[in-house]
Amino acid sequence: MTVDEEWEGRVAETSAAAEDTRKLGLFGRILRFFREIVAELKKVVTPTRKELVNYTLVVLAFVVIMMLLITGLDFVFGQLAGWVFAGTTPF
C-alpha cells in the first residue's frame, strides 16, 4: 500500500465517520463514544512484573539523579549569591 492510498483510505474513513456523526442522535453518539473507549482499552497491554520492576527502577534512578543535580546547583548558586551579596567566602 502506498502512502497516497493509505492517505486516501484515512480521508475516506474520516469523512465516513463525519457522516455517521451527523446521522446519529445524541444517545447514539454517546453510545459510540463508550464503545470506542472499550475498544481502546482492549488494546492496552499491561506490563509483566519484570517490566514493571524495571520501569520503576528507571524512574527512581532518574529522580535521584535529578535530585542530586538540583541540590548541587542550589548549593553552588547559594554560595555564589552569598559571595556576591553578603561578601562571604564561597565554600
PDB file of N, CA and C in Angstrom:
ATOM      1  N   MET A   1       0.865  -1.172   0.000  1.00  0.00           N
ATOM      2  CA  MET A   1       0.000   0.000   0.000  1.00  0.00           C
ATOM      3  C   MET A   1       0.907   1.230   0.000  1.00  0.00           C
ATOM      4  N   THR A   2       0.652   2.123  -0.907  1.00  0.00           N
ATOM      5  CA  THR A   2       1.457   3.338  -0.973  1.00  0.00           C
ATOM      6  C   THR A   2       0.949   4.351   0.037  1.00  0.00           C
ATOM      7  N   VAL A   3       1.736   5.385   0.213  1.00  0.00           N
ATOM      8  CA  VAL A   3       1.362   6.430   1.160  1.00  0.00           C
ATOM      9  C   VAL A   3       0.101   7.135   0.694  1.00  0.00           C
ATOM     10  N   ASP A   4       0.001   7.356  -0.612  1.00  0.00           N
ATOM     11  CA  ASP A   4      -1.191   8.032  -1.149  1.00  0.00           C
ATOM     12  C   ASP A   4      -2.453   7.209  -0.930  1.00  0.00           C
ATOM     13  N   GLU A   5      -2.354   5.905  -1.149  1.00  0.00           N
ATOM     14  CA  GLU A   5      -3.518   5.044  -0.938  1.00  0.00           C
ATOM     15  C   GLU A   5      -3.919   5.031   0.536  1.00  0.00           C
ATOM     16  N   GLU A   6      -2.899   4.987   1.409  1.00  0.00           N
ATOM     17  CA  GLU A   6      -3.192   4.991   2.833  1.00  0.00           C
ATOM     18  C   GLU A   6      -3.861   6.298   3.238  1.00  0.00           C
ATOM     19  N   TRP A   7      -3.366   7.405   2.701  1.00  0.00           N
ATOM     20  CA  TRP A   7      -3.940   8.719   2.997  1.00  0.00           C
ATOM     21  C   TRP A   7      -5.390   8.799   2.513  1.00  0.00           C
ATOM     22  N   GLU A   8      -5.630   8.308   1.305  1.00  0.00           N
ATOM     23  CA  GLU A   8      -6.994   8.323   0.778  1.00  0.00           C
ATOM     24  C   GLU A   8      -7.920   7.478   1.637  1.00  0.00           C
ATOM     25  N   GLY A   9      -7.401   6.348   2.122  1.00  0.00           N
ATOM     26  CA  GLY A   9      -8.202   5.500   2.996  1.00  0.00           C
ATOM     27  C   GLY A   9      -8.550   6.201   4.296  1.00  0.00           C
ATOM     28  N   ARG A  10      -7.583   6.924   4.836  1.00  0.00           N
ATOM     29  CA  ARG A  10      -7.841   7.657   6.076  1.00  0.00           C
ATOM     30  C   ARG A  10      -8.837   8.786   5.850  1.00  0.00           C
ATOM     31  N   VAL A  11      -8.716   9.465   4.719  1.00  0.00           N
ATOM     32  CA  VAL A  11      -9.654  10.546   4.410  1.00  0.00           C
ATOM     33  C   VAL A  11     -11.060   9.978   4.263  1.00  0.00           C
ATOM     34  N   ALA A  12     -11.165   8.835   3.602  1.00  0.00           N
ATOM     35  CA  ALA A  12     -12.473   8.202   3.436  1.00  0.00           C
ATOM     36  C   ALA A  12     -13.054   7.793   4.787  1.00  0.00           C
ATOM     37  N   GLU A  13     -12.204   7.251   5.670  1.00  0.00           N
ATOM     38  CA  GLU A  13     -12.679   6.866   6.999  1.00  0.00           C
ATOM     39  C   GLU A  13     -13.151   8.083   7.781  1.00  0.00           C
ATOM     40  N   THR A  14     -12.400   9.173   7.666  1.00  0.00           N
ATOM     41  CA  THR A  14     -12.754  10.384   8.398  1.00  0.00           C
ATOM     42  C   THR A  14     -14.073  10.954   7.891  1.00  0.00           C
ATOM     43  N   SER A  15     -14.239  10.998   6.576  1.00  0.00           N
ATOM     44  CA  SER A  15     -15.483  11.538   6.045  1.00  0.00           C
ATOM     45  C   SER A  15     -16.658  10.610   6.364  1.00  0.00           C
ATOM     46  N   ALA A  16     -16.412   9.294   6.374  1.00  0.00           N
ATOM     47  CA  ALA A  16     -17.474   8.355   6.745  1.00  0.00           C
ATOM     48  C   ALA A  16     -17.853   8.546   8.209  1.00  0.00           C
ATOM     49  N   ALA A  17     -16.853   8.762   9.060  1.00  0.00           N
ATOM     50  CA  ALA A  17     -17.136   8.990  10.479  1.00  0.00           C
ATOM     51  C   ALA A  17     -17.908  10.290  10.664  1.00  0.00           C
ATOM     52  N   ALA A  18     -17.576  11.314   9.879  1.00  0.00           N
ATOM     53  CA  ALA A  18     -18.281  12.590   9.975  1.00  0.00           C
ATOM     54  C   ALA A  18     -19.741  12.422   9.547  1.00  0.00           C
ATOM     55  N   GLU A  19     -19.973  11.622   8.514  1.00  0.00           N
ATOM     56  CA  GLU A  19     -21.350  11.379   8.079  1.00  0.00           C
ATOM     57  C   GLU A  19     -22.112  10.602   9.148  1.00  0.00           C
ATOM     58  N   ASP A  20     -21.450   9.613   9.772  1.00  0.00           N
ATOM     59  CA  ASP A  20     -22.091   8.843  10.836  1.00  0.00           C
ATOM     60  C   ASP A  20     -22.464   9.746  12.002  1.00  0.00           C
ATOM     61  N   THR A  21     -21.602  10.715  12.303  1.00  0.00           N
ATOM     62  CA  THR A  21     -21.867  11.628  13.412  1.00  0.00           C
ATOM     63  C   THR A  21     -23.120  12.441  13.143  1.00  0.00           C
ATOM     64  N   ARG A  22     -23.291  12.868  11.919  1.00  0.00           N
ATOM     65  CA  ARG A  22     -24.477  13.657  11.587  1.00  0.00           C
ATOM     66  C   ARG A  22     -25.742  12.800  11.645  1.00  0.00           C
ATOM     67  N   LYS A  23     -25.638  11.523  11.322  1.00  0.00           N
ATOM     68  CA  LYS A  23     -26.807  10.657  11.292  1.00  0.00           C
ATOM     69  C   LYS A  23     -27.238  10.230  12.696  1.00  0.00           C
ATOM     70  N   LEU A  24     -26.250  10.119  13.606  1.00  0.00           N
ATOM     71  CA  LEU A  24     -26.563   9.650  14.949  1.00  0.00           C
ATOM     72  C   LEU A  24     -27.124  10.777  15.793  1.00  0.00           C
ATOM     73  N   GLY A  25     -28.018  10.407  16.676  1.00  0.00           N
ATOM     74  CA  GLY A  25     -28.530  11.380  17.625  1.00  0.00           C
ATOM     75  C   GLY A  25     -27.583  11.491  18.812  1.00  0.00           C
ATOM     76  N   LEU A  26     -28.014  12.206  19.802  1.00  0.00           N
ATOM     77  CA  LEU A  26     -27.196  12.423  20.988  1.00  0.00           C
ATOM     78  C   LEU A  26     -26.851  11.101  21.664  1.00  0.00           C
ATOM     79  N   PHE A  27     -27.845  10.243  21.897  1.00  0.00           N
ATOM     80  CA  PHE A  27     -27.594   8.982  22.598  1.00  0.00           C
ATOM     81  C   PHE A  27     -26.771   8.022  21.745  1.00  0.00           C
ATOM     82  N   GLY A  28     -26.937   8.080  20.440  1.00  0.00           N
ATOM     83  CA  GLY A  28     -26.134   7.247  19.553  1.00  0.00           C
ATOM     84  C   GLY A  28     -24.664   7.634  19.600  1.00  0.00           C
ATOM     85  N   ARG A  29     -24.399   8.937  19.661  1.00  0.00           N
ATOM     86  CA  ARG A  29     -23.012   9.399  19.750  1.00  0.00           C
ATOM     87  C   ARG A  29     -22.402   9.030  21.100  1.00  0.00           C
ATOM     88  N   ILE A  30     -23.185   9.136  22.163  1.00  0.00           N
ATOM     89  CA  ILE A  30     -22.690   8.760  23.493  1.00  0.00           C
ATOM     90  C   ILE A  30     -22.387   7.264  23.532  1.00  0.00           C
ATOM     91  N   LEU A  31     -23.272   6.461  22.969  1.00  0.00           N
ATOM     92  CA  LEU A  31     -23.071   5.019  22.939  1.00  0.00           C
ATOM     93  C   LEU A  31     -21.827   4.666  22.125  1.00  0.00           C
ATOM     94  N   ARG A  32     -21.649   5.317  20.979  1.00  0.00           N
ATOM     95  CA  ARG A  32     -20.464   5.065  20.160  1.00  0.00           C
ATOM     96  C   ARG A  32     -19.194   5.472  20.915  1.00  0.00           C
ATOM     97  N   PHE A  33     -19.256   6.578  21.651  1.00  0.00           N
ATOM     98  CA  PHE A  33     -18.120   7.036  22.443  1.00  0.00           C
ATOM     99  C   PHE A  33     -17.693   5.958  23.432  1.00  0.00           C
ATOM    100  N   PHE A  34     -18.645   5.359  24.136  1.00  0.00           N
ATOM    101  CA  PHE A  34     -18.302   4.319  25.112  1.00  0.00           C
ATOM    102  C   PHE A  34     -17.815   3.047  24.432  1.00  0.00           C
ATOM    103  N   ARG A  35     -18.366   2.718  23.260  1.00  0.00           N
ATOM    104  CA  ARG A  35     -17.873   1.566  22.515  1.00  0.00           C
ATOM    105  C   ARG A  35     -16.424   1.771  22.093  1.00  0.00           C
ATOM    106  N   GLU A  36     -16.087   2.993  21.680  1.00  0.00           N
ATOM    107  CA  GLU A  36     -14.712   3.294  21.289  1.00  0.00           C
ATOM    108  C   GLU A  36     -13.774   3.241  22.492  1.00  0.00           C
ATOM    109  N   ILE A  37     -14.260   3.653  23.649  1.00  0.00           N
ATOM    110  CA  ILE A  37     -13.453   3.560  24.870  1.00  0.00           C
ATOM    111  C   ILE A  37     -13.127   2.104  25.160  1.00  0.00           C
ATOM    112  N   VAL A  38     -14.120   1.242  25.098  1.00  0.00           N
ATOM    113  CA  VAL A  38     -13.905  -0.175  25.368  1.00  0.00           C
ATOM    114  C   VAL A  38     -12.943  -0.768  24.344  1.00  0.00           C
ATOM    115  N   ALA A  39     -13.080  -0.385  23.073  1.00  0.00           N
ATOM    116  CA  ALA A  39     -12.178  -0.891  22.033  1.00  0.00           C
ATOM    117  C   ALA A  39     -10.739  -0.460  22.298  1.00  0.00           C
ATOM    118  N   GLU A  40     -10.534   0.773  22.729  1.00  0.00           N
ATOM    119  CA  GLU A  40      -9.184   1.252  23.029  1.00  0.00           C
ATOM    120  C   GLU A  40      -8.616   0.560  24.260  1.00  0.00           C
ATOM    121  N   LEU A  41      -9.453   0.323  25.262  1.00  0.00           N
ATOM    122  CA  LEU A  41      -8.981  -0.355  26.473  1.00  0.00           C
ATOM    123  C   LEU A  41      -8.578  -1.802  26.192  1.00  0.00           C
ATOM    124  N   LYS A  42      -9.196  -2.424  25.209  1.00  0.00           N
ATOM    125  CA  LYS A  42      -8.818  -3.789  24.838  1.00  0.00           C
ATOM    126  C   LYS A  42      -7.435  -3.830  24.213  1.00  0.00           C
ATOM    127  N   LYS A  43      -6.965  -2.704  23.665  1.00  0.00           N
ATOM    128  CA  LYS A  43      -5.640  -2.632  23.044  1.00  0.00           C
ATOM    129  C   LYS A  43      -4.529  -2.455  24.073  1.00  0.00           C
ATOM    130  N   VAL A  44      -4.879  -2.090  25.290  1.00  0.00           N
ATOM    131  CA  VAL A  44      -3.878  -1.821  26.320  1.00  0.00           C
ATOM    132  C   VAL A  44      -3.208  -3.123  26.740  1.00  0.00           C
ATOM    133  N   VAL A  45      -1.881  -3.088  26.816  1.00  0.00           N
ATOM    134  CA  VAL A  45      -1.113  -4.252  27.239  1.00  0.00           C
ATOM    135  C   VAL A  45      -0.502  -3.925  28.591  1.00  0.00           C
ATOM    136  N   THR A  46      -0.823  -4.717  29.591  1.00  0.00           N
ATOM    137  CA  THR A  46      -0.256  -4.481  30.922  1.00  0.00           C
ATOM    138  C   THR A  46       1.149  -5.078  30.968  1.00  0.00           C
ATOM    139  N   PRO A  47       2.077  -4.371  31.606  1.00  0.00           N
ATOM    140  CA  PRO A  47       3.454  -4.881  31.670  1.00  0.00           C
ATOM    141  C   PRO A  47       3.551  -6.087  32.595  1.00  0.00           C
ATOM    142  N   THR A  48       4.551  -6.908  32.318  1.00  0.00           N
ATOM    143  CA  THR A  48       4.804  -8.046  33.208  1.00  0.00           C
ATOM    144  C   THR A  48       5.434  -7.524  34.495  1.00  0.00           C
ATOM    145  N   ARG A  49       5.536  -8.393  35.475  1.00  0.00           N
ATOM    146  CA  ARG A  49       6.132  -7.986  36.757  1.00  0.00           C
ATOM    147  C   ARG A  49       7.573  -7.521  36.560  1.00  0.00           C
ATOM    148  N   LYS A  50       8.328  -8.239  35.731  1.00  0.00           N
ATOM    149  CA  LYS A  50       9.729  -7.892  35.477  1.00  0.00           C
ATOM    150  C   LYS A  50       9.819  -6.511  34.814  1.00  0.00           C
ATOM    151  N   GLU A  51       8.971  -6.254  33.819  1.00  0.00           N
ATOM    152  CA  GLU A  51       8.970  -4.950  33.154  1.00  0.00           C
ATOM    153  C   GLU A  51       8.586  -3.841  34.125  1.00  0.00           C
ATOM    154  N   LEU A  52       7.598  -4.108  34.960  1.00  0.00           N
ATOM    155  CA  LEU A  52       7.140  -3.113  35.922  1.00  0.00           C
ATOM    156  C   LEU A  52       8.237  -2.751  36.919  1.00  0.00           C
ATOM    157  N   VAL A  53       8.956  -3.756  37.410  1.00  0.00           N
ATOM    158  CA  VAL A  53      10.068  -3.501  38.328  1.00  0.00           C
ATOM    159  C   VAL A  53      11.155  -2.703  37.611  1.00  0.00           C
ATOM    160  N   ASN A  54      11.444  -3.069  36.372  1.00  0.00           N
ATOM    161  CA  ASN A  54      12.457  -2.366  35.593  1.00  0.00           C
ATOM    162  C   ASN A  54      12.059  -0.897  35.384  1.00  0.00           C
ATOM    163  N   TYR A  55      10.820  -0.646  34.994  1.00  0.00           N
ATOM    164  CA  TYR A  55      10.343   0.727  34.790  1.00  0.00           C
ATOM    165  C   TYR A  55      10.426   1.526  36.094  1.00  0.00           C
ATOM    166  N   THR A  56      10.049   0.896  37.191  1.00  0.00           N
ATOM    167  CA  THR A  56      10.081   1.570  38.487  1.00  0.00           C
ATOM    168  C   THR A  56      11.504   1.950  38.864  1.00  0.00           C
ATOM    169  N   LEU A  57      12.447   1.043  38.668  1.00  0.00           N
ATOM    170  CA  LEU A  57      13.843   1.330  38.991  1.00  0.00           C
ATOM    171  C   LEU A  57      14.405   2.443  38.114  1.00  0.00           C
ATOM    172  N   VAL A  58      14.040   2.445  36.854  1.00  0.00           N
ATOM    173  CA  VAL A  58      14.499   3.510  35.955  1.00  0.00           C
ATOM    174  C   VAL A  58      13.967   4.858  36.420  1.00  0.00           C
ATOM    175  N   VAL A  59      12.710   4.918  36.777  1.00  0.00           N
ATOM    176  CA  VAL A  59      12.114   6.177  37.240  1.00  0.00           C
ATOM    177  C   VAL A  59      12.766   6.637  38.536  1.00  0.00           C
ATOM    178  N   LEU A  60      12.947   5.723  39.477  1.00  0.00           N
ATOM    179  CA  LEU A  60      13.576   6.090  40.745  1.00  0.00           C
ATOM    180  C   LEU A  60      15.012   6.571  40.542  1.00  0.00           C
ATOM    181  N   ALA A  61      15.761   5.898  39.667  1.00  0.00           N
ATOM    182  CA  ALA A  61      17.133   6.328  39.384  1.00  0.00           C
ATOM    183  C   ALA A  61      17.140   7.721  38.775  1.00  0.00           C
ATOM    184  N   PHE A  62      16.243   7.975  37.848  1.00  0.00           N
ATOM    185  CA  PHE A  62      16.156   9.291  37.224  1.00  0.00           C
ATOM    186  C   PHE A  62      15.819  10.361  38.259  1.00  0.00           C
ATOM    187  N   VAL A  63      14.893  10.079  39.145  1.00  0.00           N
ATOM    188  CA  VAL A  63      14.503  11.050  40.178  1.00  0.00           C
ATOM    189  C   VAL A  63      15.674  11.333  41.110  1.00  0.00           C
ATOM    190  N   VAL A  64      16.409  10.304  41.512  1.00  0.00           N
ATOM    191  CA  VAL A  64      17.563  10.504  42.395  1.00  0.00           C
ATOM    192  C   VAL A  64      18.626  11.347  41.701  1.00  0.00           C
ATOM    193  N   ILE A  65      18.912  11.052  40.439  1.00  0.00           N
ATOM    194  CA  ILE A  65      19.903  11.830  39.690  1.00  0.00           C
ATOM    195  C   ILE A  65      19.470  13.290  39.585  1.00  0.00           C
ATOM    196  N   MET A  66      18.205  13.527  39.287  1.00  0.00           N
ATOM    197  CA  MET A  66      17.721  14.901  39.178  1.00  0.00           C
ATOM    198  C   MET A  66      17.772  15.607  40.529  1.00  0.00           C
ATOM    199  N   MET A  67      17.466  14.893  41.618  1.00  0.00           N
ATOM    200  CA  MET A  67      17.552  15.486  42.956  1.00  0.00           C
ATOM    201  C   MET A  67      18.985  15.908  43.262  1.00  0.00           C
ATOM    202  N   LEU A  68      19.946  15.052  42.938  1.00  0.00           N
ATOM    203  CA  LEU A  68      21.345  15.386  43.180  1.00  0.00           C
ATOM    204  C   LEU A  68      21.785  16.583  42.334  1.00  0.00           C
ATOM    205  N   LEU A  69      21.355  16.610  41.095  1.00  0.00           N
ATOM    206  CA  LEU A  69      21.701  17.727  40.212  1.00  0.00           C
ATOM    207  C   LEU A  69      21.130  19.041  40.742  1.00  0.00           C
ATOM    208  N   ILE A  70      19.865  19.046  41.098  1.00  0.00           N
ATOM    209  CA  ILE A  70      19.223  20.267  41.603  1.00  0.00           C
ATOM    210  C   ILE A  70      19.836  20.686  42.939  1.00  0.00           C
ATOM    211  N   THR A  71      20.125  19.712  43.807  1.00  0.00           N
ATOM    212  CA  THR A  71      20.754  20.030  45.089  1.00  0.00           C
ATOM    213  C   THR A  71      22.122  20.668  44.879  1.00  0.00           C
ATOM    214  N   GLY A  72      22.908  20.103  43.983  1.00  0.00           N
ATOM    215  CA  GLY A  72      24.226  20.658  43.690  1.00  0.00           C
ATOM    216  C   GLY A  72      24.150  22.065  43.119  1.00  0.00           C
ATOM    217  N   LEU A  73      23.248  22.269  42.165  1.00  0.00           N
ATOM    218  CA  LEU A  73      23.085  23.604  41.583  1.00  0.00           C
ATOM    219  C   LEU A  73      22.598  24.603  42.632  1.00  0.00           C
ATOM    220  N   ASP A  74      21.689  24.179  43.493  1.00  0.00           N
ATOM    221  CA  ASP A  74      21.182  25.060  44.536  1.00  0.00           C
ATOM    222  C   ASP A  74      22.308  25.464  45.484  1.00  0.00           C
ATOM    223  N   PHE A  75      23.157  24.515  45.845  1.00  0.00           N
ATOM    224  CA  PHE A  75      24.282  24.809  46.730  1.00  0.00           C
ATOM    225  C   PHE A  75      25.247  25.794  46.071  1.00  0.00           C
ATOM    226  N   VAL A  76      25.596  25.542  44.805  1.00  0.00           N
ATOM    227  CA  VAL A  76      26.534  26.411  44.090  1.00  0.00           C
ATOM    228  C   VAL A  76      25.960  27.814  43.943  1.00  0.00           C
ATOM    229  N   PHE A  77      24.729  27.926  43.501  1.00  0.00           N
ATOM    230  CA  PHE A  77      24.133  29.254  43.322  1.00  0.00           C
ATOM    231  C   PHE A  77      23.946  29.961  44.661  1.00  0.00           C
ATOM    232  N   GLY A  78      23.643  29.218  45.722  1.00  0.00           N
ATOM    233  CA  GLY A  78      23.523  29.821  47.047  1.00  0.00           C
ATOM    234  C   GLY A  78      24.853  30.389  47.518  1.00  0.00           C
ATOM    235  N   GLN A  79      25.929  29.624  47.305  1.00  0.00           N
ATOM    236  CA  GLN A  79      27.257  30.113  47.682  1.00  0.00           C
ATOM    237  C   GLN A  79      27.645  31.335  46.853  1.00  0.00           C
ATOM    238  N   LEU A  80      27.353  31.313  45.566  1.00  0.00           N
ATOM    239  CA  LEU A  80      27.666  32.472  44.714  1.00  0.00           C
ATOM    240  C   LEU A  80      26.862  33.700  45.134  1.00  0.00           C
ATOM    241  N   ALA A  81      25.606  33.512  45.456  1.00  0.00           N
ATOM    242  CA  ALA A  81      24.778  34.637  45.894  1.00  0.00           C
ATOM    243  C   ALA A  81      25.296  35.188  47.218  1.00  0.00           C
ATOM    244  N   GLY A  82      25.702  34.320  48.121  1.00  0.00           N
ATOM    245  CA  GLY A  82      26.276  34.774  49.386  1.00  0.00           C
ATOM    246  C   GLY A  82      27.561  35.550  49.160  1.00  0.00           C
ATOM    247  N   TRP A  83      28.371  35.088  48.235  1.00  0.00           N
ATOM    248  CA  TRP A  83      29.638  35.765  47.942  1.00  0.00           C
ATOM    249  C   TRP A  83      29.399  37.133  47.309  1.00  0.00           C
ATOM    250  N   VAL A  84      28.423  37.207  46.368  1.00  0.00           N
ATOM    251  CA  VAL A  84      28.163  38.466  45.663  1.00  0.00           C
ATOM    252  C   VAL A  84      27.474  39.471  46.579  1.00  0.00           C
ATOM    253  N   PHE A  85      26.454  39.044  47.294  1.00  0.00           N
ATOM    254  CA  PHE A  85      25.624  39.996  48.033  1.00  0.00           C
ATOM    255  C   PHE A  85      26.021  40.168  49.499  1.00  0.00           C
ATOM    256  N   ALA A  86      26.578  39.161  50.137  1.00  0.00           N
ATOM    257  CA  ALA A  86      26.896  39.256  51.559  1.00  0.00           C
ATOM    258  C   ALA A  86      28.387  39.342  51.826  1.00  0.00           C
ATOM    259  N   GLY A  87      29.183  39.116  50.812  1.00  0.00           N
ATOM    260  CA  GLY A  87      30.620  39.185  50.981  1.00  0.00           C
ATOM    261  C   GLY A  87      31.221  38.009  51.726  1.00  0.00           C
ATOM    262  N   THR A  88      30.493  36.892  51.804  1.00  0.00           N
ATOM    263  CA  THR A  88      31.027  35.695  52.455  1.00  0.00           C
ATOM    264  C   THR A  88      31.951  34.977  51.501  1.00  0.00           C
ATOM    265  N   THR A  89      32.858  34.181  52.050  1.00  0.00           N
ATOM    266  CA  THR A  89      33.759  33.412  51.184  1.00  0.00           C
ATOM    267  C   THR A  89      33.021  32.186  50.679  1.00  0.00           C
ATOM    268  N   PRO A  90      33.137  31.906  49.379  1.00  0.00           N
ATOM    269  CA  PRO A  90      32.440  30.721  48.856  1.00  0.00           C
ATOM    270  C   PRO A  90      33.046  29.440  49.394  1.00  0.00           C
ATOM    271  N   PHE A  91      32.228  28.475  49.664  1.00  0.00           N
ATOM    272  CA  PHE A  91      32.564  27.135  50.139  1.00  0.00           C
ATOM    273  C   PHE A  91      33.260  27.268  51.440  1.00  0.00           C
TER     274      PHE A  91
END
